[in-house]
Amino acid sequence: MSANQKSWQHRLSGKTNNLAIDFVESLSYDRRLYKYDIQGSIAHANMLVQQKLLSAGEFDEIKSALAQIEKEIESGAFVFDKTQEDIHMAVEAALIAKTAAGKKLHTGRSRNDQVATDLRLWMRDEIAALTTKLKKLQRALVDLASGYTEAGMPSYTHLQRAQPVTVASYVLAWVEQFHRDIIRFSNCCTLLNISPLGCGAVAGSTLPLDRQMTAKLLGFDSPSRNSIDSTADRDFCAEFIFCCSMVSTHLSRLAEDWIIYSTNEFDFIHIDDAFCTSSSMMPQKRNPDMLELIRGKTGSVYGSLIAMLTIIKGLPLSYNRDLQEDKIHVFNAADTVSACVDMAAAIAANTRFNVEHIEKGLDKGFLDATVLAEYLVRKNVPFRQAHGIVGQLVAYCENKPVSSLGQLSIEEFQKFCPAITQNVYAELGAKNVIKRYSTEGAGGSGQAKSQIAFWREQLK
């Protein structure tokens, strides 16, 4: 087969239209699968030797030639020709040019099971790489949290001040989200780790192919059970992009928080200048553009998920050429998320909380109202009644006006509830609340220190 020949061209008459050549090629983006295509080809050839469909000498020639091709691609010496359509045909054409034994490599194999195998091999490595990056981001956040186990800040619900927490507890909340992302990727990897190789175009082969052997050589848990499903299955692509989408969701939420917290109105955090830009017109500006781009790029990842789901939603069994488009969206999601996780880790490692400024306004918003209700519960006041009493006290403060519950006199407290005594003041105020949290996982100093110790051990 010459470099410009198609694997299927003897079935059709005439020359392929140049417009069709450009339209059908995927080599421009699937070339990044080259080492997985070569890896799968070597395993397939090894199996063919064991099944006496290829001689040991031919296998040696094929393996040596494929190694040369891999080096040529990595060095940039390899010439990609779009008339070969995809990476599979590009590698095969180069192989046949080096050894006639290469003509036997496609025995019992189709590009349908070949690409399904290559994608799974690539995705396993990509998941490992993304997991490593996510753990780096987690470490940066744990390091950031470790400096603020005693410092307080307001937590928010409905973007309204809710209860006081340590800065460390707030930061560690993001570590939990990225941990769930890692678990999702791990689950995705478990589901995809089966081998389609040997399923051929759709129905398998009459040749004595040993699919157990190729699955084992390629590190898969097992061969797939059903050849018809195997060449059509791209569930793992949709699931992978969904995992990427959830990472993007969490990164975007973090970015949104930190964009808000870096404003003059909040001034909770300071992001290093290296991760900000300024304005072409307004010289005073420090813009958190990197965080804004992380937030913005989420749309691209979501788009890939919708595109992938749309591609597979109406396909009849089994393989259809629509599936060629899967790689565009899988690669886009992986590349975008990888870059965003790297950037988020760098930002986290170069951000500090403006603790003094935060603590100056920490008692605004009656953050200790809930703990006052719980104080009354310990005085044997039913919680619903205690809730109403504290609500009335807050309204009283706002009308007085008084900015915090701790500014009220004991006489004022007792007008609303005689059960309140002088010891109430030891419970009021954000700093006192943070010290008094007792439930596991709460936003207090002790809980934050325990979580930091846990994550340091987990992320070794």
Foldseek 3Di string as FASTA:
>chain_A
DALLDEPPPVVDDDDDDPVVLVVQADAVQQLVLLVLLLLLLLLLLVQCCVLVVAPPVLSVLLNVQSVVVVVCVVVVNQDDDSSLRHSNSSSLNSSCVRPVSSVSSCVLAAVLLSVLRSVLLVLLVLLVLLLVLLLLLLVLLLVQLVVWLQFKFFDDDVNAGAAIFIPSLVSCVLSVLSVVLNVLSVVLNLVSQAGLTQLHPANGDPRPGDQQSSSVSSVGPYHDDHSFASSADPVSLLSLLVSLLSLLVSLLVVLVVVQVCVDPVNVFKDWDQVQFDADPPDRVDTHNVLSVVSNVCSVLSVVLSVLLCVLNVDDDIDDDSSCSCSSVSSVSSSVSSSVSSNSSSVRSNGMHTPRVVRQVCRQAPANLLQVQLVVVVVLVDPSVLSNVLSVVLCVVCVVVPHRYSLVDDQVVSVVSPVSDDPCVNCCDDNSSVLVPDDDASDRHSVNSVVVSVVSVVVSD
